[in-house]
Amino acid sequence: MSIEKKNNSNESEVTHNQARQHIEAVRGEIASMGANDSEFESLNTIIEELNNRIISPQEAVNRANGVRDSKQSYH
């Protein structure tokens, strides 16, 4: 499952569970790239903030994608 930033306001909002599944999918992608430094810690922080309702599910998805994209651009 891949959730990217939603551009269409008619699309439904991302749920908490969808965001968690997406973050775990991103974690798997990052793990397969190897040479991981702070990426897993960053994803754990995103999950903690999501669980504590500090950030919305969509923000969690966007931030997880940012961690992945940063890793991809670095390698």
N, C-alpha and C. Protein backbone atom coordinates (compact mmCIF):
# COMPACT_ATOMS: atom_id res chain seq x y z
N MET A 1 0.84 -1.17 0.00
CA MET A 1 0.00 0.00 0.00
C MET A 1 0.88 1.23 0.00
N SER A 2 0.59 2.15 -0.86
CA SER A 2 1.35 3.38 -0.92
C SER A 2 0.39 4.56 -0.84
N ILE A 3 0.67 5.43 0.08
CA ILE A 3 -0.14 6.64 0.23
C ILE A 3 0.79 7.81 -0.02
N GLU A 4 0.47 8.60 -0.96
CA GLU A 4 1.24 9.80 -1.22
C GLU A 4 0.42 11.00 -0.79
N LYS A 5 1.01 12.16 -0.87
CA LYS A 5 0.29 13.37 -0.48
C LYS A 5 -0.96 13.51 -1.34
N LYS A 6 -2.07 13.72 -0.69
CA LYS A 6 -3.33 13.84 -1.41
C LYS A 6 -3.49 15.27 -1.92
N ASN A 7 -3.77 15.39 -3.21
CA ASN A 7 -3.93 16.69 -3.82
C ASN A 7 -5.38 17.04 -4.08
N ASN A 8 -6.25 16.05 -4.10
CA ASN A 8 -7.65 16.26 -4.42
C ASN A 8 -8.45 16.34 -3.14
N SER A 9 -9.10 17.45 -2.88
CA SER A 9 -9.85 17.62 -1.64
C SER A 9 -11.05 16.69 -1.56
N ASN A 10 -11.45 16.07 -2.67
CA ASN A 10 -12.57 15.13 -2.66
C ASN A 10 -12.16 13.76 -2.14
N GLU A 11 -10.86 13.50 -2.06
CA GLU A 11 -10.40 12.22 -1.56
C GLU A 11 -10.57 12.18 -0.05
N SER A 12 -10.86 11.00 0.48
CA SER A 12 -11.05 10.88 1.92
C SER A 12 -9.71 11.03 2.63
N GLU A 13 -9.80 11.42 3.88
CA GLU A 13 -8.61 11.59 4.69
C GLU A 13 -7.97 10.24 5.00
N VAL A 14 -6.69 10.27 5.25
CA VAL A 14 -5.95 9.07 5.63
C VAL A 14 -6.30 8.76 7.09
N THR A 15 -6.59 7.49 7.37
CA THR A 15 -6.91 7.09 8.74
C THR A 15 -5.62 6.79 9.51
N HIS A 16 -5.75 6.70 10.80
CA HIS A 16 -4.62 6.37 11.67
C HIS A 16 -4.01 5.03 11.25
N ASN A 17 -4.85 4.02 11.05
CA ASN A 17 -4.35 2.69 10.67
C ASN A 17 -3.67 2.70 9.32
N GLN A 18 -4.22 3.44 8.36
CA GLN A 18 -3.58 3.54 7.05
C GLN A 18 -2.21 4.20 7.16
N ALA A 19 -2.13 5.22 7.98
CA ALA A 19 -0.85 5.90 8.18
C ALA A 19 0.17 4.95 8.79
N ARG A 20 -0.24 4.17 9.81
CA ARG A 20 0.67 3.21 10.43
C ARG A 20 1.15 2.17 9.43
N GLN A 21 0.23 1.65 8.62
CA GLN A 21 0.61 0.66 7.61
C GLN A 21 1.59 1.27 6.60
N HIS A 22 1.34 2.49 6.22
CA HIS A 22 2.22 3.15 5.27
C HIS A 22 3.62 3.34 5.87
N ILE A 23 3.68 3.77 7.12
CA ILE A 23 4.97 3.97 7.77
C ILE A 23 5.74 2.66 7.84
N GLU A 24 5.05 1.57 8.13
CA GLU A 24 5.73 0.26 8.18
C GLU A 24 6.21 -0.17 6.79
N ALA A 25 5.45 0.17 5.76
CA ALA A 25 5.89 -0.13 4.40
C ALA A 25 7.13 0.69 4.06
N VAL A 26 7.14 1.94 4.47
CA VAL A 26 8.32 2.79 4.25
C VAL A 26 9.50 2.22 5.01
N ARG A 27 9.27 1.75 6.24
CA ARG A 27 10.34 1.14 7.03
C ARG A 27 10.96 -0.04 6.27
N GLY A 28 10.12 -0.86 5.65
CA GLY A 28 10.61 -1.99 4.87
C GLY A 28 11.44 -1.54 3.67
N GLU A 29 10.96 -0.49 2.99
CA GLU A 29 11.72 0.04 1.85
C GLU A 29 13.09 0.52 2.31
N ILE A 30 13.11 1.25 3.42
CA ILE A 30 14.38 1.79 3.94
C ILE A 30 15.30 0.66 4.37
N ALA A 31 14.75 -0.36 5.00
CA ALA A 31 15.57 -1.50 5.45
C ALA A 31 16.25 -2.17 4.27
N SER A 32 15.54 -2.26 3.15
CA SER A 32 16.11 -2.93 1.98
C SER A 32 17.22 -2.11 1.34
N MET A 33 17.30 -0.82 1.64
CA MET A 33 18.36 0.03 1.07
C MET A 33 19.68 -0.16 1.81
N GLY A 34 19.62 -0.63 3.05
CA GLY A 34 20.83 -0.83 3.84
C GLY A 34 21.43 0.47 4.33
N ALA A 35 22.54 0.35 5.06
CA ALA A 35 23.28 1.50 5.60
C ALA A 35 22.35 2.50 6.29
N ASN A 36 21.54 2.00 7.21
CA ASN A 36 20.58 2.85 7.90
C ASN A 36 21.22 3.48 9.13
N ASP A 37 21.01 4.77 9.27
CA ASP A 37 21.54 5.49 10.41
C ASP A 37 20.40 5.92 11.33
N SER A 38 19.82 7.05 11.06
CA SER A 38 18.78 7.59 11.94
C SER A 38 17.38 7.40 11.39
N GLU A 39 17.25 6.73 10.25
CA GLU A 39 15.94 6.60 9.61
C GLU A 39 14.92 5.88 10.48
N PHE A 40 15.32 4.78 11.11
CA PHE A 40 14.37 4.03 11.93
C PHE A 40 13.95 4.85 13.15
N GLU A 41 14.87 5.57 13.73
CA GLU A 41 14.54 6.43 14.87
C GLU A 41 13.57 7.53 14.42
N SER A 42 13.79 8.08 13.25
CA SER A 42 12.88 9.10 12.72
C SER A 42 11.48 8.54 12.53
N LEU A 43 11.38 7.33 11.98
CA LEU A 43 10.07 6.71 11.79
C LEU A 43 9.41 6.40 13.13
N ASN A 44 10.19 5.98 14.12
CA ASN A 44 9.64 5.72 15.45
C ASN A 44 9.09 7.00 16.06
N THR A 45 9.77 8.10 15.85
CA THR A 45 9.30 9.39 16.36
C THR A 45 8.00 9.79 15.69
N ILE A 46 7.91 9.56 14.39
CA ILE A 46 6.68 9.87 13.65
C ILE A 46 5.52 9.05 14.21
N ILE A 47 5.75 7.77 14.44
CA ILE A 47 4.70 6.90 14.99
C ILE A 47 4.29 7.38 16.38
N GLU A 48 5.25 7.73 17.20
CA GLU A 48 4.93 8.21 18.55
C GLU A 48 4.09 9.48 18.48
N GLU A 49 4.46 10.41 17.62
CA GLU A 49 3.70 11.65 17.49
C GLU A 49 2.31 11.39 16.91
N LEU A 50 2.20 10.43 16.00
CA LEU A 50 0.90 10.05 15.47
C LEU A 50 0.03 9.45 16.57
N ASN A 51 0.59 8.53 17.34
CA ASN A 51 -0.15 7.88 18.42
C ASN A 51 -0.60 8.86 19.48
N ASN A 52 0.20 9.88 19.72
CA ASN A 52 -0.12 10.89 20.73
C ASN A 52 -0.92 12.05 20.16
N ARG A 53 -1.32 11.90 18.90
CA ARG A 53 -2.14 12.92 18.21
C ARG A 53 -1.47 14.29 18.14
N ILE A 54 -0.15 14.27 18.10
CA ILE A 54 0.60 15.51 17.92
C ILE A 54 0.57 15.91 16.45
N ILE A 55 0.56 14.89 15.58
CA ILE A 55 0.45 15.12 14.14
C ILE A 55 -0.71 14.31 13.59
N SER A 56 -1.24 14.75 12.47
CA SER A 56 -2.35 14.05 11.82
C SER A 56 -1.82 12.84 11.06
N PRO A 57 -2.70 11.91 10.72
CA PRO A 57 -2.27 10.77 9.91
C PRO A 57 -1.64 11.22 8.58
N GLN A 58 -2.22 12.23 7.93
CA GLN A 58 -1.66 12.69 6.66
C GLN A 58 -0.26 13.29 6.86
N GLU A 59 -0.07 14.03 7.94
CA GLU A 59 1.25 14.58 8.23
C GLU A 59 2.25 13.46 8.50
N ALA A 60 1.80 12.41 9.18
CA ALA A 60 2.67 11.27 9.44
C ALA A 60 3.11 10.61 8.13
N VAL A 61 2.18 10.45 7.20
CA VAL A 61 2.49 9.89 5.88
C VAL A 61 3.48 10.79 5.17
N ASN A 62 3.22 12.09 5.17
CA ASN A 62 4.11 13.03 4.48
C ASN A 62 5.52 12.99 5.07
N ARG A 63 5.61 12.94 6.39
CA ARG A 63 6.93 12.91 7.03
C ARG A 63 7.66 11.60 6.76
N ALA A 64 6.93 10.48 6.79
CA ALA A 64 7.56 9.19 6.48
C ALA A 64 8.07 9.18 5.04
N ASN A 65 7.27 9.72 4.13
CA ASN A 65 7.72 9.82 2.75
C ASN A 65 8.97 10.68 2.65
N GLY A 66 9.03 11.74 3.44
CA GLY A 66 10.21 12.60 3.45
C GLY A 66 11.45 11.87 3.91
N VAL A 67 11.31 11.02 4.93
CA VAL A 67 12.45 10.21 5.40
C VAL A 67 12.92 9.29 4.28
N ARG A 68 11.97 8.63 3.63
CA ARG A 68 12.31 7.72 2.52
C ARG A 68 12.95 8.48 1.37
N ASP A 69 12.35 9.59 0.99
CA ASP A 69 12.86 10.37 -0.15
C ASP A 69 14.25 10.90 0.12
N SER A 70 14.50 11.31 1.34
CA SER A 70 15.82 11.79 1.72
C SER A 70 16.85 10.67 1.61
N LYS A 71 16.46 9.49 2.04
CA LYS A 71 17.35 8.31 1.96
C LYS A 71 17.63 7.96 0.49
N GLN A 72 16.60 8.01 -0.34
CA GLN A 72 16.78 7.68 -1.76
C GLN A 72 17.68 8.69 -2.45
N SER A 73 17.56 9.96 -2.10
CA SER A 73 18.37 10.97 -2.76
C SER A 73 19.82 10.91 -2.29
N TYR A 74 20.02 10.37 -1.09
CA TYR A 74 21.37 10.26 -0.54
C TYR A 74 22.13 9.10 -1.16
N HIS A 75 21.40 8.02 -1.47
CA HIS A 75 22.05 6.82 -2.03
C HIS A 75 21.92 6.81 -3.49
